[in-house]
Amino acid sequence: MHNIVWSMPRCRSRRGPRGATMWMLVAALALGGAAARAVPPEQGKGQQAVWRADQAFIRAMGKWDKAALRDSMASGFGWTEANGRTLDRQRLLDGPAQSAPAETETKLHDYANVMFITGAQKTPGAHLRFVRVWVKQAGNWRILLGQQTHIEGGAKQEQATVAAGTPCQNPCKTVPYHGSAEQQQVVESWQGLETAVNQRNAEEWARHVGDEFVFNIKENGNPLTKADRVATIRKQALGNRVTDIGAVAPNSMDVRVFGNTAVMRDTQQPTTHARPYRAMRIWVKRDGRWQLVYSQQTTIEK
């Protein structure tokens, strides 16, 4: 089951410098008072718990309470800033306290043992798409990852392409990753999806993707839907171009399975020798098959 819940809007905080901050998190809650976002009482207990955990994380950020922050982070915690830099738990805690812009379009996506919050942030210096992922570990909700992507303009944009027939060895046939049997099943589903992209087979691609699929691409951060991607692949099948599929960098793939939901992260290098990018994906197991329901990419600028 998948539930999407809209949150109440957040108030603005002082603007930090562009790219300095991943922390879309410190909003009204960091300031306290009635402006703080309430937890809607009609939501299920799990959803309310995630909102509360999220609010506690925001308060800890506002106070730069490192002990509370550390306690709220899941094993394997990582955060990718809008410039593509990824910080693990220790690098984050060793860094300076940061402020954040207001959040809009905020939604909570409920997949039982994994829930994630998506939305947008806008300041005079930056317009960003964000996701942060909460997972159930040892009975508590902890934040596993967050990622930001620059939004450029208001129109959807297709991904970068290469000539049709460009081979896809990595990741279509091989991926530099070895996990458990279940983790490998998730990777194999992704390989099947990317092989369908490379072969411009929209129907096969769609089998690997949930109907609610949203894809925030690195090119401009504007979300694409399943229907958008199907239309693009069908259009490519009539022409001489195909979506460029980046090769997975060694030692960058990470797959974590939480019941019937999995979280995947990696770094990929485009075929065109453009800058590498950081990618995250949420997978859900349905009728024995892993389907992709959310993905976001961020270009690594330097």
C-alpha atoms as a PDB file:
ATOM      1  CA  MET A   1       0.000   0.000   0.000  1.00  0.00           C
ATOM      2  CA  HIS A   2       1.190   3.485  -0.818  1.00  0.00           C
ATOM      3  CA  ASN A   3      -0.206   6.582   0.838  1.00  0.00           C
ATOM      4  CA  ILE A   4       0.739  10.150  -0.025  1.00  0.00           C
ATOM      5  CA  VAL A   5       0.072  12.742   2.653  1.00  0.00           C
ATOM      6  CA  TRP A   6       0.386  16.501   2.192  1.00  0.00           C
ATOM      7  CA  SER A   7       1.935  18.424   5.056  1.00  0.00           C
ATOM      8  CA  MET A   8       1.142  21.892   6.250  1.00  0.00           C
ATOM      9  CA  PRO A   9       3.412  24.601   4.736  1.00  0.00           C
ATOM     10  CA  ARG A  10       6.517  25.681   6.619  1.00  0.00           C
ATOM     11  CA  CYS A  11       7.628  29.189   7.386  1.00  0.00           C
ATOM     12  CA  ARG A  12      10.817  30.742   6.100  1.00  0.00           C
ATOM     13  CA  SER A  13      14.062  30.874   7.969  1.00  0.00           C
ATOM     14  CA  ARG A  14      17.054  32.982   7.178  1.00  0.00           C
ATOM     15  CA  ARG A  15      18.695  32.178   3.895  1.00  0.00           C
ATOM     16  CA  GLY A  16      22.036  30.401   3.848  1.00  0.00           C
ATOM     17  CA  PRO A  17      24.513  30.704   0.959  1.00  0.00           C
ATOM     18  CA  ARG A  18      23.722  28.880  -2.303  1.00  0.00           C
ATOM     19  CA  GLY A  19      24.879  25.258  -2.230  1.00  0.00           C
ATOM     20  CA  ALA A  20      26.032  25.554   1.367  1.00  0.00           C
ATOM     21  CA  THR A  21      23.179  23.888   2.566  1.00  0.00           C
ATOM     22  CA  MET A  22      21.455  20.820   2.328  1.00  0.00           C
ATOM     23  CA  TRP A  23      19.482  21.882   5.277  1.00  0.00           C
ATOM     24  CA  MET A  24      16.075  22.588   3.996  1.00  0.00           C
ATOM     25  CA  LEU A  25      15.192  21.240   7.378  1.00  0.00           C
ATOM     26  CA  VAL A  26      15.579  24.169   9.768  1.00  0.00           C
ATOM     27  CA  ALA A  27      12.312  26.005   9.288  1.00  0.00           C
ATOM     28  CA  ALA A  28       9.718  27.251  11.742  1.00  0.00           C
ATOM     29  CA  LEU A  29      10.392  24.442  14.160  1.00  0.00           C
ATOM     30  CA  ALA A  30      13.899  25.711  14.721  1.00  0.00           C
ATOM     31  CA  LEU A  31      12.390  28.995  15.810  1.00  0.00           C
ATOM     32  CA  GLY A  32       9.618  27.490  17.920  1.00  0.00           C
ATOM     33  CA  GLY A  33       6.149  28.880  18.496  1.00  0.00           C
ATOM     34  CA  ALA A  34       2.789  28.487  16.801  1.00  0.00           C
ATOM     35  CA  ALA A  35       4.260  28.647  13.304  1.00  0.00           C
ATOM     36  CA  ALA A  36       5.628  25.113  13.643  1.00  0.00           C
ATOM     37  CA  ARG A  37       4.035  22.472  11.462  1.00  0.00           C
ATOM     38  CA  ALA A  38       1.432  20.380  13.246  1.00  0.00           C
ATOM     39  CA  VAL A  39       1.062  16.634  12.820  1.00  0.00           C
ATOM     40  CA  PRO A  40      -2.350  16.048  11.218  1.00  0.00           C
ATOM     41  CA  PRO A  41      -4.324  13.851  13.643  1.00  0.00           C
ATOM     42  CA  GLU A  42      -6.081  11.932  10.867  1.00  0.00           C
ATOM     43  CA  GLN A  43      -2.849  10.290   9.731  1.00  0.00           C
ATOM     44  CA  GLY A  44      -1.919   6.759  10.738  1.00  0.00           C
ATOM     45  CA  LYS A  45       0.355   6.147  13.704  1.00  0.00           C
ATOM     46  CA  GLY A  46       3.337   5.344  11.491  1.00  0.00           C
ATOM     47  CA  GLN A  47       2.956   8.537   9.488  1.00  0.00           C
ATOM     48  CA  GLN A  48       2.568  10.619  12.631  1.00  0.00           C
ATOM     49  CA  ALA A  49       5.702   8.994  14.050  1.00  0.00           C
ATOM     50  CA  VAL A  50       7.678   9.950  10.953  1.00  0.00           C
ATOM     51  CA  TRP A  51       6.457  13.560  11.076  1.00  0.00           C
ATOM     52  CA  ARG A  52       7.414  13.718  14.760  1.00  0.00           C
ATOM     53  CA  ALA A  53      10.838  12.240  14.055  1.00  0.00           C
ATOM     54  CA  ASP A  54      11.278  14.754  11.254  1.00  0.00           C
ATOM     55  CA  GLN A  55      10.338  17.644  13.545  1.00  0.00           C
ATOM     56  CA  ALA A  56      12.740  16.414  16.239  1.00  0.00           C
ATOM     57  CA  PHE A  57      15.490  16.266  13.635  1.00  0.00           C
ATOM     58  CA  ILE A  58      14.722  19.850  12.590  1.00  0.00           C
ATOM     59  CA  ARG A  59      14.831  21.051  16.192  1.00  0.00           C
ATOM     60  CA  ALA A  60      18.164  19.296  16.708  1.00  0.00           C
ATOM     61  CA  MET A  61      19.511  20.988  13.576  1.00  0.00           C
ATOM     62  CA  GLY A  62      18.304  24.372  14.784  1.00  0.00           C
ATOM     63  CA  LYS A  63      20.147  23.891  18.083  1.00  0.00           C
ATOM     64  CA  TRP A  64      23.034  22.031  16.432  1.00  0.00           C
ATOM     65  CA  ASP A  65      22.470  19.298  19.007  1.00  0.00           C
ATOM     66  CA  LYS A  66      24.976  16.747  17.752  1.00  0.00           C
ATOM     67  CA  ALA A  67      23.950  14.052  20.215  1.00  0.00           C
ATOM     68  CA  ALA A  68      20.312  14.265  19.125  1.00  0.00           C
ATOM     69  CA  LEU A  69      21.299  14.387  15.463  1.00  0.00           C
ATOM     70  CA  ARG A  70      23.495  11.335  15.804  1.00  0.00           C
ATOM     71  CA  ASP A  71      20.708   9.450  17.554  1.00  0.00           C
ATOM     72  CA  SER A  72      18.255  10.274  14.755  1.00  0.00           C
ATOM     73  CA  MET A  73      20.490   9.018  11.939  1.00  0.00           C
ATOM     74  CA  ALA A  74      20.171   5.496  10.590  1.00  0.00           C
ATOM     75  CA  SER A  75      23.104   3.223   9.971  1.00  0.00           C
ATOM     76  CA  GLY A  76      24.473   4.187   6.563  1.00  0.00           C
ATOM     77  CA  PHE A  77      23.212   7.772   6.782  1.00  0.00           C
ATOM     78  CA  GLY A  78      24.234  10.026   3.899  1.00  0.00           C
ATOM     79  CA  TRP A  79      23.235  13.385   2.491  1.00  0.00           C
ATOM     80  CA  THR A  80      23.767  14.698  -1.029  1.00  0.00           C
ATOM     81  CA  GLU A  81      23.815  18.458  -1.390  1.00  0.00           C
ATOM     82  CA  ALA A  82      22.631  20.303  -4.497  1.00  0.00           C
ATOM     83  CA  ASN A  83      26.236  20.504  -5.731  1.00  0.00           C
ATOM     84  CA  GLY A  84      26.503  16.701  -5.583  1.00  0.00           C
ATOM     85  CA  ARG A  85      28.742  16.504  -2.532  1.00  0.00           C
ATOM     86  CA  THR A  86      27.712  13.587  -0.311  1.00  0.00           C
ATOM     87  CA  LEU A  87      28.348  13.637   3.432  1.00  0.00           C
ATOM     88  CA  ASP A  88      28.244  10.672   5.782  1.00  0.00           C
ATOM     89  CA  ARG A  89      27.198  11.038   9.405  1.00  0.00           C
ATOM     90  CA  GLN A  90      30.623  11.985  10.768  1.00  0.00           C
ATOM     91  CA  ARG A  91      31.407  14.507   8.034  1.00  0.00           C
ATOM     92  CA  LEU A  92      28.079  16.175   8.621  1.00  0.00           C
ATOM     93  CA  LEU A  93      28.512  16.375  12.385  1.00  0.00           C
ATOM     94  CA  ASP A  94      32.058  17.681  12.011  1.00  0.00           C
ATOM     95  CA  GLY A  95      30.830  20.490   9.758  1.00  0.00           C
ATOM     96  CA  PRO A  96      29.328  23.866  10.623  1.00  0.00           C
ATOM     97  CA  ALA A  97      25.696  24.430  11.622  1.00  0.00           C
ATOM     98  CA  GLN A  98      23.571  25.457   8.644  1.00  0.00           C
ATOM     99  CA  SER A  99      20.273  27.242   8.026  1.00  0.00           C
ATOM    100  CA  ALA A 100      17.681  26.515   5.344  1.00  0.00           C
ATOM    101  CA  PRO A 101      14.986  27.870   3.018  1.00  0.00           C
ATOM    102  CA  ALA A 102      11.249  27.377   3.366  1.00  0.00           C
ATOM    103  CA  GLU A 103       9.682  24.168   2.041  1.00  0.00           C
ATOM    104  CA  THR A 104       6.679  23.924  -0.279  1.00  0.00           C
ATOM    105  CA  GLU A 105       4.849  21.092  -2.083  1.00  0.00           C
ATOM    106  CA  THR A 106       5.762  18.849   0.844  1.00  0.00           C
ATOM    107  CA  LYS A 107       4.454  15.267   0.750  1.00  0.00           C
ATOM    108  CA  LEU A 108       4.980  12.159   2.825  1.00  0.00           C
ATOM    109  CA  HIS A 109       5.070   8.855   0.902  1.00  0.00           C
ATOM    110  CA  ASP A 110       4.222   5.821   3.032  1.00  0.00           C
ATOM    111  CA  TYR A 111       5.684   2.405   2.183  1.00  0.00           C
ATOM    112  CA  ALA A 112       5.370   0.768   5.598  1.00  0.00           C
ATOM    113  CA  ASN A 113       8.988   0.285   6.764  1.00  0.00           C
ATOM    114  CA  VAL A 114      10.229   3.147   4.582  1.00  0.00           C
ATOM    115  CA  MET A 115       8.663   6.597   4.309  1.00  0.00           C
ATOM    116  CA  PHE A 116      10.068   9.542   2.436  1.00  0.00           C
ATOM    117  CA  ILE A 117       9.302  13.232   2.303  1.00  0.00           C
ATOM    118  CA  THR A 118       9.545  15.229  -0.931  1.00  0.00           C
ATOM    119  CA  GLY A 119       9.108  18.889  -1.745  1.00  0.00           C
ATOM    120  CA  ALA A 120      10.695  22.064  -3.058  1.00  0.00           C
ATOM    121  CA  GLN A 121      12.675  24.913  -1.534  1.00  0.00           C
ATOM    122  CA  LYS A 122      13.136  28.422  -2.864  1.00  0.00           C
ATOM    123  CA  THR A 123      15.307  31.336  -1.798  1.00  0.00           C
ATOM    124  CA  PRO A 124      16.658  34.313  -3.764  1.00  0.00           C
ATOM    125  CA  GLY A 125      19.752  32.215  -4.465  1.00  0.00           C
ATOM    126  CA  ALA A 126      18.433  28.714  -5.071  1.00  0.00           C
ATOM    127  CA  HIS A 127      15.411  26.690  -6.140  1.00  0.00           C
ATOM    128  CA  LEU A 128      15.746  23.070  -5.090  1.00  0.00           C
ATOM    129  CA  ARG A 129      13.927  19.746  -5.214  1.00  0.00           C
ATOM    130  CA  PHE A 130      14.513  17.592  -2.138  1.00  0.00           C
ATOM    131  CA  VAL A 131      13.875  14.136  -0.753  1.00  0.00           C
ATOM    132  CA  ARG A 132      14.673  12.714   2.662  1.00  0.00           C
ATOM    133  CA  VAL A 133      14.141   9.066   3.515  1.00  0.00           C
ATOM    134  CA  TRP A 134      13.115   7.643   6.890  1.00  0.00           C
ATOM    135  CA  VAL A 135      13.463   3.943   7.728  1.00  0.00           C
ATOM    136  CA  LYS A 136      12.380   1.747  10.623  1.00  0.00           C
ATOM    137  CA  GLN A 137      15.427   0.456  12.509  1.00  0.00           C
ATOM    138  CA  ALA A 138      15.269  -1.312  15.867  1.00  0.00           C
ATOM    139  CA  GLY A 139      11.719  -0.074  16.385  1.00  0.00           C
ATOM    140  CA  ASN A 140      12.514   3.610  15.752  1.00  0.00           C
ATOM    141  CA  TRP A 141      12.222   5.865  12.718  1.00  0.00           C
ATOM    142  CA  ARG A 142      15.639   7.147  11.642  1.00  0.00           C
ATOM    143  CA  ILE A 143      16.742   9.253   8.704  1.00  0.00           C
ATOM    144  CA  LEU A 144      18.763   7.266   6.151  1.00  0.00           C
ATOM    145  CA  LEU A 145      19.401   9.798   3.426  1.00  0.00           C
ATOM    146  CA  GLY A 146      18.562  13.139   1.935  1.00  0.00           C
ATOM    147  CA  GLN A 147      19.223  14.586  -1.489  1.00  0.00           C
ATOM    148  CA  GLN A 148      18.824  17.946  -3.219  1.00  0.00           C
ATOM    149  CA  THR A 149      18.639  18.782  -6.932  1.00  0.00           C
ATOM    150  CA  HIS A 150      18.639  22.219  -8.551  1.00  0.00           C
ATOM    151  CA  ILE A 151      15.384  23.183 -10.301  1.00  0.00           C
ATOM    152  CA  GLU A 152      16.100  25.031 -13.544  1.00  0.00           C
ATOM    153  CA  GLY A 153      13.023  26.627 -15.112  1.00  0.00           C
ATOM    154  CA  GLY A 154       9.468  25.370 -14.853  1.00  0.00           C
ATOM    155  CA  ALA A 155       9.195  22.979 -17.797  1.00  0.00           C
ATOM    156  CA  LYS A 156       9.882  19.260 -17.893  1.00  0.00           C
ATOM    157  CA  GLN A 157      12.994  18.243 -19.788  1.00  0.00           C
ATOM    158  CA  GLU A 158      14.115  14.943 -21.260  1.00  0.00           C
ATOM    159  CA  GLN A 159      17.293  13.294 -20.045  1.00  0.00           C
ATOM    160  CA  ALA A 160      20.577  13.487 -21.931  1.00  0.00           C
ATOM    161  CA  THR A 161      20.802  11.143 -24.931  1.00  0.00           C
ATOM    162  CA  VAL A 162      23.407   9.313 -26.994  1.00  0.00           C
ATOM    163  CA  ALA A 163      23.240   7.601 -30.385  1.00  0.00           C
ATOM    164  CA  ALA A 164      20.911   4.601 -30.586  1.00  0.00           C
ATOM    165  CA  GLY A 165      22.920   1.402 -30.462  1.00  0.00           C
ATOM    166  CA  THR A 166      25.364   2.745 -27.867  1.00  0.00           C
ATOM    167  CA  PRO A 167      26.265  -0.362 -25.837  1.00  0.00           C
ATOM    168  CA  CYS A 168      25.331  -0.616 -22.156  1.00  0.00           C
ATOM    169  CA  GLN A 169      27.653  -3.015 -20.379  1.00  0.00           C
ATOM    170  CA  ASN A 170      27.489  -1.337 -16.960  1.00  0.00           C
ATOM    171  CA  PRO A 171      24.843  -1.385 -15.541  1.00  0.00           C
ATOM    172  CA  CYS A 172      22.760  -3.348 -18.074  1.00  0.00           C
ATOM    173  CA  LYS A 173      24.880  -6.514 -17.918  1.00  0.00           C
ATOM    174  CA  THR A 174      27.193  -6.040 -14.970  1.00  0.00           C
ATOM    175  CA  VAL A 175      27.232  -3.848 -11.866  1.00  0.00           C
ATOM    176  CA  PRO A 176      30.255  -3.543  -9.530  1.00  0.00           C
ATOM    177  CA  TYR A 177      28.262  -4.683  -6.519  1.00  0.00           C
ATOM    178  CA  HIS A 178      27.782  -7.924  -4.592  1.00  0.00           C
ATOM    179  CA  GLY A 179      25.040  -8.125  -1.979  1.00  0.00           C
ATOM    180  CA  SER A 180      22.678 -10.630  -0.419  1.00  0.00           C
ATOM    181  CA  ALA A 181      20.293 -12.628  -2.590  1.00  0.00           C
ATOM    182  CA  GLU A 182      17.517 -10.114  -1.932  1.00  0.00           C
ATOM    183  CA  GLN A 183      19.738  -7.116  -2.603  1.00  0.00           C
ATOM    184  CA  GLN A 184      20.832  -8.725  -5.855  1.00  0.00           C
ATOM    185  CA  GLN A 185      17.180  -9.126  -6.872  1.00  0.00           C
ATOM    186  CA  VAL A 186      16.724  -5.379  -6.531  1.00  0.00           C
ATOM    187  CA  VAL A 187      19.844  -4.742  -8.618  1.00  0.00           C
ATOM    188  CA  GLU A 188      18.662  -7.227 -11.270  1.00  0.00           C
ATOM    189  CA  SER A 189      15.323  -5.432 -11.506  1.00  0.00           C
ATOM    190  CA  TRP A 190      17.198  -2.176 -12.092  1.00  0.00           C
ATOM    191  CA  GLN A 191      19.352  -3.862 -14.730  1.00  0.00           C
ATOM    192  CA  GLY A 192      16.206  -5.063 -16.492  1.00  0.00           C
ATOM    193  CA  LEU A 193      14.787  -1.536 -16.380  1.00  0.00           C
ATOM    194  CA  GLU A 194      17.946   0.039 -17.824  1.00  0.00           C
ATOM    195  CA  THR A 195      18.256  -2.657 -20.474  1.00  0.00           C
ATOM    196  CA  ALA A 196      14.722  -1.773 -21.606  1.00  0.00           C
ATOM    197  CA  VAL A 197      15.766   1.905 -21.772  1.00  0.00           C
ATOM    198  CA  ASN A 198      18.829   1.009 -23.848  1.00  0.00           C
ATOM    199  CA  GLN A 199      16.713  -1.133 -26.178  1.00  0.00           C
ATOM    200  CA  ARG A 200      14.003   1.569 -26.353  1.00  0.00           C
ATOM    201  CA  ASN A 201      11.352  -0.904 -25.180  1.00  0.00           C
ATOM    202  CA  ALA A 202       8.742   1.189 -23.361  1.00  0.00           C
ATOM    203  CA  GLU A 203       6.453  -1.718 -22.475  1.00  0.00           C
ATOM    204  CA  GLU A 204       9.242  -3.722 -20.846  1.00  0.00           C
ATOM    205  CA  TRP A 205      10.477  -0.636 -19.010  1.00  0.00           C
ATOM    206  CA  ALA A 206       6.972  -0.009 -17.635  1.00  0.00           C
ATOM    207  CA  ARG A 207       6.848  -3.500 -16.075  1.00  0.00           C
ATOM    208  CA  HIS A 208       9.654  -2.489 -13.722  1.00  0.00           C
ATOM    209  CA  VAL A 209       8.016   0.770 -12.619  1.00  0.00           C
ATOM    210  CA  GLY A 210       5.122   1.522 -10.270  1.00  0.00           C
ATOM    211  CA  ASP A 211       2.230   3.623 -11.530  1.00  0.00           C
ATOM    212  CA  GLU A 212       3.005   6.317  -8.925  1.00  0.00           C
ATOM    213  CA  PHE A 213       6.607   6.657 -10.161  1.00  0.00           C
ATOM    214  CA  VAL A 214       8.217  10.119  -9.928  1.00  0.00           C
ATOM    215  CA  PHE A 215      11.669  10.900 -11.327  1.00  0.00           C
ATOM    216  CA  ASN A 216      13.503  14.141 -10.486  1.00  0.00           C
ATOM    217  CA  ILE A 217      16.227  14.240 -13.106  1.00  0.00           C
ATOM    218  CA  LYS A 218      19.624  15.905 -12.839  1.00  0.00           C
ATOM    219  CA  GLU A 219      19.053  17.988 -15.989  1.00  0.00           C
ATOM    220  CA  ASN A 220      16.656  20.454 -14.372  1.00  0.00           C
ATOM    221  CA  GLY A 221      15.015  18.911 -11.294  1.00  0.00           C
ATOM    222  CA  ASN A 222      11.482  18.991 -12.687  1.00  0.00           C
ATOM    223  CA  PRO A 223       9.657  15.715 -11.996  1.00  0.00           C
ATOM    224  CA  LEU A 224       8.847  13.205 -14.716  1.00  0.00           C
ATOM    225  CA  THR A 225       6.062  10.628 -14.334  1.00  0.00           C
ATOM    226  CA  LYS A 226       5.771   7.082 -15.609  1.00  0.00           C
ATOM    227  CA  ALA A 227       3.664   8.342 -18.522  1.00  0.00           C
ATOM    228  CA  ASP A 228       6.336  10.943 -19.368  1.00  0.00           C
ATOM    229  CA  ARG A 229       9.071   8.331 -19.538  1.00  0.00           C
ATOM    230  CA  VAL A 230       6.961   5.876 -21.553  1.00  0.00           C
ATOM    231  CA  ALA A 231       6.232   8.617 -24.092  1.00  0.00           C
ATOM    232  CA  THR A 232       9.931   9.510 -24.325  1.00  0.00           C
ATOM    233  CA  ILE A 233      11.055   5.910 -24.841  1.00  0.00           C
ATOM    234  CA  ARG A 234       8.413   5.364 -27.533  1.00  0.00           C
ATOM    235  CA  LYS A 235       9.519   8.555 -29.268  1.00  0.00           C
ATOM    236  CA  GLN A 236      13.153   7.424 -29.142  1.00  0.00           C
ATOM    237  CA  ALA A 237      12.181   4.075 -30.696  1.00  0.00           C
ATOM    238  CA  LEU A 238      11.146   5.994 -33.823  1.00  0.00           C
ATOM    239  CA  GLY A 239      14.386   7.958 -34.033  1.00  0.00           C
ATOM    240  CA  ASN A 240      18.150   7.554 -33.691  1.00  0.00           C
ATOM    241  CA  ARG A 241      18.703   8.601 -30.051  1.00  0.00           C
ATOM    242  CA  VAL A 242      18.482   6.807 -26.722  1.00  0.00           C
ATOM    243  CA  THR A 243      18.736   7.935 -23.088  1.00  0.00           C
ATOM    244  CA  ASP A 244      22.313   7.932 -21.833  1.00  0.00           C
ATOM    245  CA  ILE A 245      22.770   5.420 -19.011  1.00  0.00           C
ATOM    246  CA  GLY A 246      25.656   6.209 -16.703  1.00  0.00           C
ATOM    247  CA  ALA A 247      28.037   3.457 -15.596  1.00  0.00           C
ATOM    248  CA  VAL A 248      28.040   2.735 -11.855  1.00  0.00           C
ATOM    249  CA  ALA A 249      31.279   3.838 -10.196  1.00  0.00           C
ATOM    250  CA  PRO A 250      33.147   1.123  -8.251  1.00  0.00           C
ATOM    251  CA  ASN A 251      32.326   0.955  -4.530  1.00  0.00           C
ATOM    252  CA  SER A 252      29.460   3.456  -4.856  1.00  0.00           C
ATOM    253  CA  MET A 253      26.433   1.147  -4.996  1.00  0.00           C
ATOM    254  CA  ASP A 254      24.505   0.691  -1.742  1.00  0.00           C
ATOM    255  CA  VAL A 255      21.261  -1.293  -1.445  1.00  0.00           C
ATOM    256  CA  ARG A 256      19.309  -1.629   1.808  1.00  0.00           C
ATOM    257  CA  VAL A 257      16.172  -3.734   2.085  1.00  0.00           C
ATOM    258  CA  PHE A 258      13.472  -3.045   4.683  1.00  0.00           C
ATOM    259  CA  GLY A 259      10.760  -5.667   4.291  1.00  0.00           C
ATOM    260  CA  ASN A 260       9.141  -5.093   0.899  1.00  0.00           C
ATOM    261  CA  THR A 261      10.829  -1.729   0.330  1.00  0.00           C
ATOM    262  CA  ALA A 262      14.429  -1.096  -0.730  1.00  0.00           C
ATOM    263  CA  VAL A 263      16.602   1.999  -0.923  1.00  0.00           C
ATOM    264  CA  MET A 264      19.348   2.132  -3.570  1.00  0.00           C
ATOM    265  CA  ARG A 265      22.143   4.706  -3.941  1.00  0.00           C
ATOM    266  CA  ASP A 266      25.085   5.010  -6.314  1.00  0.00           C
ATOM    267  CA  THR A 267      27.328   7.327  -8.303  1.00  0.00           C
ATOM    268  CA  GLN A 268      27.245   7.093 -12.111  1.00  0.00           C
ATOM    269  CA  GLN A 269      29.430   8.358 -14.944  1.00  0.00           C
ATOM    270  CA  PRO A 270      27.639   9.372 -18.168  1.00  0.00           C
ATOM    271  CA  THR A 271      28.795   7.872 -21.464  1.00  0.00           C
ATOM    272  CA  THR A 272      29.338  11.370 -22.844  1.00  0.00           C
ATOM    273  CA  HIS A 273      32.095  12.154 -20.300  1.00  0.00           C
ATOM    274  CA  ALA A 274      29.857  14.767 -18.690  1.00  0.00           C
ATOM    275  CA  ARG A 275      30.105  15.259 -14.948  1.00  0.00           C
ATOM    276  CA  PRO A 276      29.161  12.226 -12.820  1.00  0.00           C
ATOM    277  CA  TYR A 277      25.954  12.248 -10.821  1.00  0.00           C
ATOM    278  CA  ARG A 278      24.564  10.870  -7.595  1.00  0.00           C
ATOM    279  CA  ALA A 279      21.382   8.786  -7.861  1.00  0.00           C
ATOM    280  CA  MET A 280      18.921   7.410  -5.304  1.00  0.00           C
ATOM    281  CA  ARG A 281      15.972   5.078  -5.881  1.00  0.00           C
ATOM    282  CA  ILE A 282      13.092   3.622  -3.866  1.00  0.00           C
ATOM    283  CA  TRP A 283      11.904   0.136  -4.823  1.00  0.00           C
ATOM    284  CA  VAL A 284       8.787  -1.752  -3.691  1.00  0.00           C
ATOM    285  CA  LYS A 285       8.172  -5.502  -3.980  1.00  0.00           C
ATOM    286  CA  ARG A 286       4.775  -6.255  -5.514  1.00  0.00           C
ATOM    287  CA  ASP A 287       3.541  -9.681  -6.608  1.00  0.00           C
ATOM    288  CA  GLY A 288       7.065 -11.014  -6.252  1.00  0.00           C
ATOM    289  CA  ARG A 289       8.662  -8.305  -8.424  1.00  0.00           C
ATOM    290  CA  TRP A 290      10.632  -5.226  -7.444  1.00  0.00           C
ATOM    291  CA  GLN A 291       9.252  -2.023  -8.957  1.00  0.00           C
ATOM    292  CA  LEU A 292      10.802   1.434  -8.962  1.00  0.00           C
ATOM    293  CA  VAL A 293       8.548   4.097  -7.398  1.00  0.00           C
ATOM    294  CA  TYR A 294      10.855   7.081  -6.907  1.00  0.00           C
ATOM    295  CA  SER A 295      14.219   8.274  -8.184  1.00  0.00           C
ATOM    296  CA  GLN A 296      16.291  11.441  -7.955  1.00  0.00           C
ATOM    297  CA  GLN A 297      19.607  12.477  -9.504  1.00  0.00           C
ATOM    298  CA  THR A 298      22.069  15.240  -8.660  1.00  0.00           C
ATOM    299  CA  THR A 299      25.044  16.294 -10.812  1.00  0.00           C
ATOM    300  CA  ILE A 300      28.377  16.286  -8.973  1.00  0.00           C
ATOM    301  CA  GLU A 301      29.634  19.736  -9.850  1.00  0.00           C
ATOM    302  CA  LYS A 302      33.212  19.309  -8.647  1.00  0.00           C
END
